[in-house]
């Protein structure tokens, strides 16, 4: 039987709500537009606000998933002996894998800064090319939309990665 949630609180609802909130934050076009307002103007510092937004979302994901993971482990620890062992194993896995995961994910904003420079250089070169092909290209700021989509796609992939252990723990709560 599933491990009962205290006070009728369903952990699946909590997980779903947290995920939805993070997805909304990632998809918030107005916030991205505000963060990217200067991205096309200044090559040297234009990416700073976008980088800060990206990192803030990463931190929000880390905090939310860490809290959820700990809560689910606590519930499993109060369950069957097999569930308690799984909770212990997950704690060890998190301890071992988290530093490397954090290091790898922390490198992504730097890679995105290079992507920003690359797209900006390409857009600038396209504007300077007076041929018919260049005139057929999308609006000058279309590269910013490409960059925003890249950033959002990467954050959604990171969200999926961070929720994998949570989904596993949640499934274990619903087994006996």
C-alpha atoms as a PDB file:
ATOM      1  CA  UNK A   1       0.000   0.000   0.000  1.00  0.00           C
ATOM      2  CA  UNK A   2       1.216   3.534  -0.659  1.00  0.00           C
ATOM      3  CA  UNK A   3       2.789   5.376   2.227  1.00  0.00           C
ATOM      4  CA  UNK A   4       0.064   7.704   3.535  1.00  0.00           C
ATOM      5  CA  UNK A   5       0.678  11.403   3.226  1.00  0.00           C
ATOM      6  CA  UNK A   6       0.274  13.477   6.382  1.00  0.00           C
ATOM      7  CA  UNK A   7      -2.977  15.411   6.696  1.00  0.00           C
ATOM      8  CA  UNK A   8      -4.299  14.008   3.398  1.00  0.00           C
ATOM      9  CA  UNK A   9      -1.539  15.782   1.479  1.00  0.00           C
ATOM     10  CA  UNK A  10      -0.787  14.012  -1.808  1.00  0.00           C
ATOM     11  CA  UNK A  11       2.921  14.192  -2.672  1.00  0.00           C
ATOM     12  CA  UNK A  12       2.090  13.706  -6.378  1.00  0.00           C
ATOM     13  CA  UNK A  13       0.128  16.972  -6.283  1.00  0.00           C
ATOM     14  CA  UNK A  14       3.031  18.759  -4.630  1.00  0.00           C
ATOM     15  CA  UNK A  15       5.439  17.445  -7.261  1.00  0.00           C
ATOM     16  CA  UNK A  16       3.099  18.383 -10.115  1.00  0.00           C
ATOM     17  CA  UNK A  17       2.558  21.881  -8.726  1.00  0.00           C
ATOM     18  CA  UNK A  18       6.277  22.475  -8.294  1.00  0.00           C
ATOM     19  CA  UNK A  19       6.989  21.275 -11.817  1.00  0.00           C
ATOM     20  CA  UNK A  20       4.213  23.455 -13.283  1.00  0.00           C
ATOM     21  CA  UNK A  21       5.506  26.510 -11.428  1.00  0.00           C
ATOM     22  CA  UNK A  22       9.011  25.952 -12.787  1.00  0.00           C
ATOM     23  CA  UNK A  23       7.678  25.355 -16.313  1.00  0.00           C
ATOM     24  CA  UNK A  24       5.752  28.640 -16.101  1.00  0.00           C
ATOM     25  CA  UNK A  25       8.886  30.439 -14.943  1.00  0.00           C
ATOM     26  CA  UNK A  26      10.858  28.955 -17.838  1.00  0.00           C
ATOM     27  CA  UNK A  27       8.153  29.876 -20.345  1.00  0.00           C
ATOM     28  CA  UNK A  28       7.492  33.427 -19.061  1.00  0.00           C
ATOM     29  CA  UNK A  29       7.966  35.353 -22.317  1.00  0.00           C
ATOM     30  CA  UNK A  30       7.594  38.778 -20.693  1.00  0.00           C
ATOM     31  CA  UNK A  31      10.349  38.054 -18.173  1.00  0.00           C
ATOM     32  CA  UNK A  32      12.605  36.721 -20.951  1.00  0.00           C
ATOM     33  CA  UNK A  33      11.902  39.791 -23.106  1.00  0.00           C
ATOM     34  CA  UNK A  34      12.838  42.010 -20.198  1.00  0.00           C
ATOM     35  CA  UNK A  35      16.020  40.043 -19.508  1.00  0.00           C
ATOM     36  CA  UNK A  36      16.970  40.069 -23.190  1.00  0.00           C
ATOM     37  CA  UNK A  37      16.154  43.740 -23.796  1.00  0.00           C
ATOM     38  CA  UNK A  38      19.790  44.699 -24.235  1.00  0.00           C
ATOM     39  CA  UNK A  39      21.096  41.415 -25.615  1.00  0.00           C
ATOM     40  CA  UNK A  40      21.111  42.669 -29.199  1.00  0.00           C
ATOM     41  CA  UNK A  41      22.533  46.098 -28.415  1.00  0.00           C
ATOM     42  CA  UNK A  42      25.758  45.470 -26.539  1.00  0.00           C
ATOM     43  CA  UNK A  43      27.832  42.453 -27.482  1.00  0.00           C
ATOM     44  CA  UNK A  44      30.031  42.703 -24.380  1.00  0.00           C
ATOM     45  CA  UNK A  45      27.362  42.991 -21.682  1.00  0.00           C
ATOM     46  CA  UNK A  46      24.103  42.295 -23.512  1.00  0.00           C
ATOM     47  CA  UNK A  47      23.876  38.741 -22.281  1.00  0.00           C
ATOM     48  CA  UNK A  48      24.297  39.588 -18.579  1.00  0.00           C
ATOM     49  CA  UNK A  49      20.591  39.883 -17.731  1.00  0.00           C
ATOM     50  CA  UNK A  50      19.729  36.772 -19.715  1.00  0.00           C
ATOM     51  CA  UNK A  51      22.470  34.879 -17.898  1.00  0.00           C
ATOM     52  CA  UNK A  52      21.179  36.101 -14.527  1.00  0.00           C
ATOM     53  CA  UNK A  53      17.650  34.978 -15.382  1.00  0.00           C
ATOM     54  CA  UNK A  54      18.920  31.583 -16.539  1.00  0.00           C
ATOM     55  CA  UNK A  55      20.943  31.086 -13.362  1.00  0.00           C
ATOM     56  CA  UNK A  56      18.040  32.248 -11.167  1.00  0.00           C
ATOM     57  CA  UNK A  57      15.810  29.614 -12.767  1.00  0.00           C
ATOM     58  CA  UNK A  58      18.516  26.988 -12.282  1.00  0.00           C
ATOM     59  CA  UNK A  59      18.698  27.918  -8.585  1.00  0.00           C
ATOM     60  CA  UNK A  60      14.908  27.804  -8.277  1.00  0.00           C
ATOM     61  CA  UNK A  61      14.934  24.328  -9.822  1.00  0.00           C
ATOM     62  CA  UNK A  62      17.700  23.159  -7.528  1.00  0.00           C
ATOM     63  CA  UNK A  63      15.914  24.473  -4.438  1.00  0.00           C
ATOM     64  CA  UNK A  64      12.506  23.065  -5.401  1.00  0.00           C
ATOM     65  CA  UNK A  65      13.803  19.669  -6.444  1.00  0.00           C
ATOM     66  CA  UNK A  66      16.053  19.382  -3.405  1.00  0.00           C
ATOM     67  CA  UNK A  67      13.124  20.111  -1.103  1.00  0.00           C
ATOM     68  CA  UNK A  68      10.842  17.670  -2.928  1.00  0.00           C
ATOM     69  CA  UNK A  69      13.466  14.952  -3.021  1.00  0.00           C
ATOM     70  CA  UNK A  70      14.127  15.284   0.696  1.00  0.00           C
ATOM     71  CA  UNK A  71      10.424  15.246   1.496  1.00  0.00           C
ATOM     72  CA  UNK A  72       9.827  12.139  -0.609  1.00  0.00           C
ATOM     73  CA  UNK A  73      12.812  10.398   0.984  1.00  0.00           C
ATOM     74  CA  UNK A  74      11.431  11.194   4.435  1.00  0.00           C
ATOM     75  CA  UNK A  75       8.098   9.632   3.472  1.00  0.00           C
ATOM     76  CA  UNK A  76       9.805   6.570   2.023  1.00  0.00           C
ATOM     77  CA  UNK A  77      11.908   6.180   5.179  1.00  0.00           C
ATOM     78  CA  UNK A  78       8.643   5.803   7.129  1.00  0.00           C
ATOM     79  CA  UNK A  79       7.354   3.171   4.697  1.00  0.00           C
ATOM     80  CA  UNK A  80       8.250  -0.458   4.123  1.00  0.00           C
ATOM     81  CA  UNK A  81      11.782  -1.725   4.741  1.00  0.00           C
ATOM     82  CA  UNK A  82      12.380  -1.744   0.952  1.00  0.00           C
ATOM     83  CA  UNK A  83      11.184   1.862   0.695  1.00  0.00           C
ATOM     84  CA  UNK A  84      13.434   2.868   3.592  1.00  0.00           C
ATOM     85  CA  UNK A  85      16.432   1.245   1.849  1.00  0.00           C
ATOM     86  CA  UNK A  86      15.562   3.108  -1.348  1.00  0.00           C
ATOM     87  CA  UNK A  87      15.468   6.383   0.592  1.00  0.00           C
ATOM     88  CA  UNK A  88      18.922   5.642   1.992  1.00  0.00           C
ATOM     89  CA  UNK A  89      20.245   4.701  -1.433  1.00  0.00           C
ATOM     90  CA  UNK A  90      18.836   7.874  -2.985  1.00  0.00           C
ATOM     91  CA  UNK A  91      20.476   9.988  -0.286  1.00  0.00           C
ATOM     92  CA  UNK A  92      23.843   8.402  -1.066  1.00  0.00           C
ATOM     93  CA  UNK A  93      23.325   8.779  -4.818  1.00  0.00           C
ATOM     94  CA  UNK A  94      22.465  12.442  -4.395  1.00  0.00           C
ATOM     95  CA  UNK A  95      25.525  12.989  -2.248  1.00  0.00           C
ATOM     96  CA  UNK A  96      27.772  11.329  -4.828  1.00  0.00           C
ATOM     97  CA  UNK A  97      26.221  12.665  -8.030  1.00  0.00           C
ATOM     98  CA  UNK A  98      25.157  16.190  -7.033  1.00  0.00           C
ATOM     99  CA  UNK A  99      28.575  17.874  -7.072  1.00  0.00           C
ATOM    100  CA  UNK A 100      29.292  16.665 -10.615  1.00  0.00           C
ATOM    101  CA  UNK A 101      25.759  17.458 -11.778  1.00  0.00           C
ATOM    102  CA  UNK A 102      26.007  20.944 -10.279  1.00  0.00           C
ATOM    103  CA  UNK A 103      29.389  21.560 -11.920  1.00  0.00           C
ATOM    104  CA  UNK A 104      28.155  20.441 -15.345  1.00  0.00           C
ATOM    105  CA  UNK A 105      24.901  22.393 -15.192  1.00  0.00           C
ATOM    106  CA  UNK A 106      26.700  25.499 -13.909  1.00  0.00           C
ATOM    107  CA  UNK A 107      28.783  25.488 -17.111  1.00  0.00           C
ATOM    108  CA  UNK A 108      25.720  25.867 -19.352  1.00  0.00           C
ATOM    109  CA  UNK A 109      25.334  29.668 -18.962  1.00  0.00           C
ATOM    110  CA  UNK A 110      28.917  30.092 -20.199  1.00  0.00           C
ATOM    111  CA  UNK A 111      28.134  27.974 -23.233  1.00  0.00           C
ATOM    112  CA  UNK A 112      25.022  30.045 -23.813  1.00  0.00           C
ATOM    113  CA  UNK A 113      27.110  33.229 -23.668  1.00  0.00           C
ATOM    114  CA  UNK A 114      29.156  31.839 -26.547  1.00  0.00           C
ATOM    115  CA  UNK A 115      25.939  30.953 -28.368  1.00  0.00           C
ATOM    116  CA  UNK A 116      24.804  34.564 -27.838  1.00  0.00           C
ATOM    117  CA  UNK A 117      28.009  35.904 -29.386  1.00  0.00           C
ATOM    118  CA  UNK A 118      27.773  33.449 -32.284  1.00  0.00           C
ATOM    119  CA  UNK A 119      24.170  34.341 -33.118  1.00  0.00           C
ATOM    120  CA  UNK A 120      24.841  38.040 -32.721  1.00  0.00           C
ATOM    121  CA  UNK A 121      27.878  37.902 -35.056  1.00  0.00           C
ATOM    122  CA  UNK A 122      25.864  35.951 -37.630  1.00  0.00           C
ATOM    123  CA  UNK A 123      22.992  38.451 -37.466  1.00  0.00           C
ATOM    124  CA  UNK A 124      25.415  41.350 -37.787  1.00  0.00           C
ATOM    125  CA  UNK A 125      27.107  39.747 -40.791  1.00  0.00           C
ATOM    126  CA  UNK A 126      23.717  39.091 -42.389  1.00  0.00           C
ATOM    127  CA  UNK A 127      22.754  42.771 -41.975  1.00  0.00           C
ATOM    128  CA  UNK A 128      26.011  43.823 -43.592  1.00  0.00           C
ATOM    129  CA  UNK A 129      25.468  41.557 -46.611  1.00  0.00           C
ATOM    130  CA  UNK A 130      23.400  43.473 -49.181  1.00  0.00           C
ATOM    131  CA  UNK A 131      22.410  40.493 -51.323  1.00  0.00           C
ATOM    132  CA  UNK A 132      18.922  39.178 -51.986  1.00  0.00           C
ATOM    133  CA  UNK A 133      19.404  36.206 -49.675  1.00  0.00           C
ATOM    134  CA  UNK A 134      20.166  38.501 -46.726  1.00  0.00           C
ATOM    135  CA  UNK A 135      17.057  40.560 -47.520  1.00  0.00           C
ATOM    136  CA  UNK A 136      14.944  37.412 -47.373  1.00  0.00           C
ATOM    137  CA  UNK A 137      16.122  36.624 -43.832  1.00  0.00           C
ATOM    138  CA  UNK A 138      13.797  37.184 -40.863  1.00  0.00           C
ATOM    139  CA  UNK A 139      13.784  40.382 -38.838  1.00  0.00           C
ATOM    140  CA  UNK A 140      17.069  41.548 -37.314  1.00  0.00           C
ATOM    141  CA  UNK A 141      16.096  40.425 -33.823  1.00  0.00           C
ATOM    142  CA  UNK A 142      15.032  36.934 -34.906  1.00  0.00           C
ATOM    143  CA  UNK A 143      18.325  35.639 -33.523  1.00  0.00           C
ATOM    144  CA  UNK A 144      17.184  36.723 -30.055  1.00  0.00           C
ATOM    145  CA  UNK A 145      14.124  34.508 -30.425  1.00  0.00           C
ATOM    146  CA  UNK A 146      16.422  31.632 -31.396  1.00  0.00           C
ATOM    147  CA  UNK A 147      18.571  32.305 -28.328  1.00  0.00           C
ATOM    148  CA  UNK A 148      15.552  32.506 -26.005  1.00  0.00           C
ATOM    149  CA  UNK A 149      14.209  29.215 -27.408  1.00  0.00           C
ATOM    150  CA  UNK A 150      17.625  27.576 -26.932  1.00  0.00           C
ATOM    151  CA  UNK A 151      17.727  28.777 -23.330  1.00  0.00           C
ATOM    152  CA  UNK A 152      14.202  27.620 -22.602  1.00  0.00           C
ATOM    153  CA  UNK A 153      14.803  24.230 -24.232  1.00  0.00           C
ATOM    154  CA  UNK A 154      17.931  23.713 -22.136  1.00  0.00           C
ATOM    155  CA  UNK A 155      16.114  24.688 -18.954  1.00  0.00           C
ATOM    156  CA  UNK A 156      13.272  22.290 -19.758  1.00  0.00           C
ATOM    157  CA  UNK A 157      15.813  19.513 -20.351  1.00  0.00           C
ATOM    158  CA  UNK A 158      17.452  20.352 -17.017  1.00  0.00           C
ATOM    159  CA  UNK A 159      14.030  20.287 -15.359  1.00  0.00           C
ATOM    160  CA  UNK A 160      13.441  16.803 -16.747  1.00  0.00           C
ATOM    161  CA  UNK A 161      16.859  15.707 -15.497  1.00  0.00           C
ATOM    162  CA  UNK A 162      16.277  17.106 -12.014  1.00  0.00           C
ATOM    163  CA  UNK A 163      12.833  15.506 -11.770  1.00  0.00           C
ATOM    164  CA  UNK A 164      13.991  12.002 -12.740  1.00  0.00           C
ATOM    165  CA  UNK A 165      14.933  10.957  -9.187  1.00  0.00           C
ATOM    166  CA  UNK A 166      11.813  12.671  -7.829  1.00  0.00           C
ATOM    167  CA  UNK A 167       9.611  10.758 -10.245  1.00  0.00           C
ATOM    168  CA  UNK A 168      11.327   7.542  -9.187  1.00  0.00           C
ATOM    169  CA  UNK A 169      10.847   8.254  -5.496  1.00  0.00           C
ATOM    170  CA  UNK A 170       7.225   9.204  -6.108  1.00  0.00           C
ATOM    171  CA  UNK A 171       6.637   5.924  -7.955  1.00  0.00           C
ATOM    172  CA  UNK A 172       8.246   4.029  -5.086  1.00  0.00           C
ATOM    173  CA  UNK A 173       5.813   5.678  -2.661  1.00  0.00           C
ATOM    174  CA  UNK A 174       2.929   4.198  -4.609  1.00  0.00           C
ATOM    175  CA  UNK A 175       4.248   0.618  -4.555  1.00  0.00           C
ATOM    176  CA  UNK A 176       4.415  -1.794  -1.706  1.00  0.00           C
END
